Amino acid sequence: MLVALGGDGTMLRVARAVASSRVPILGVNLGTLGFLTTCGFADLPETLAALKAGECWVESRHLIQARRSSRPRQRPELALNDFVISRGPTPRLIELELSVDGETLTRYRGDGLIISSPTGSTAYSLAAGGAVVSPQAEVFALTPICPHTLSNRSVIVRLGAVIEVRLLTHGVATFFSADGQVGTEIEVNERITVQRSRHAACLVRRPGASFFQTLRQKLGWSGSAVEAGDR
């Protein structure tokens, strides 16, 4: 087991670094949100006691991978949350062509596109207006960033799909990033192919922990929780 001290950024880096080993990760939140972590620092003794008693469990989260046409021999980039293609500091629109399983879906004109895993649906994709997706749902969320239209919305496709994005815009610096941490500039007409990775992150969970409980506690979800006695 690996113990990660930090916040969600630390969890994302660790998940990518140990992706091939499937080692369980116990995250101790020292940051602000800690959506992916197991517990806060104050709860660590209780969590370790539960772990020793065999009461904790391991949740598997899918990673996704991306290949760039300009770097065919490079290993695919991995992400736990998302891949983002976005314009640089110049305040100009970029145009992206999006295909799913070889079929052209649409062209986006805006600030960029987020390709999110189920885990990443509560990160940048959520802030951009995307849907909240349960981590057990085997889907991608494709969420445009500030699209210049009244009709574009987040699109949900199966996690087994092959997603391809091509940059069409000349003269505007455009960047590709993994989990908001690993970023490089991309070229016009470059194609980025995203699909499910065979790797997964194994996150240690405390007894009774659930995704929806975390959603209410960490993100201040305004929905009303229904207690068993109120039914």
Foldseek 3Di string as FASTA:
>chain_A
DAEFEEAVVRVWVVCQVCQVPQDAYAYEYPYDQRLQHAYHPVCVVVQVVCVVVVQKFKDKFWKKWKDKPVCNPDDTDIARFWKKKFFDPPPAWWKKWKDKQRHTDDIFTAGTKIWTQLVNCPPVVVVQPADNHFRVAQWIWIAGHGTPDDDDGIDIDGQAIKMKMFTADPDIWMWMDGPVPDIDTDDHRMMMIMHIDPTIHIYMHGRPDDSVVSCCPRVVDPDDDDDPVND
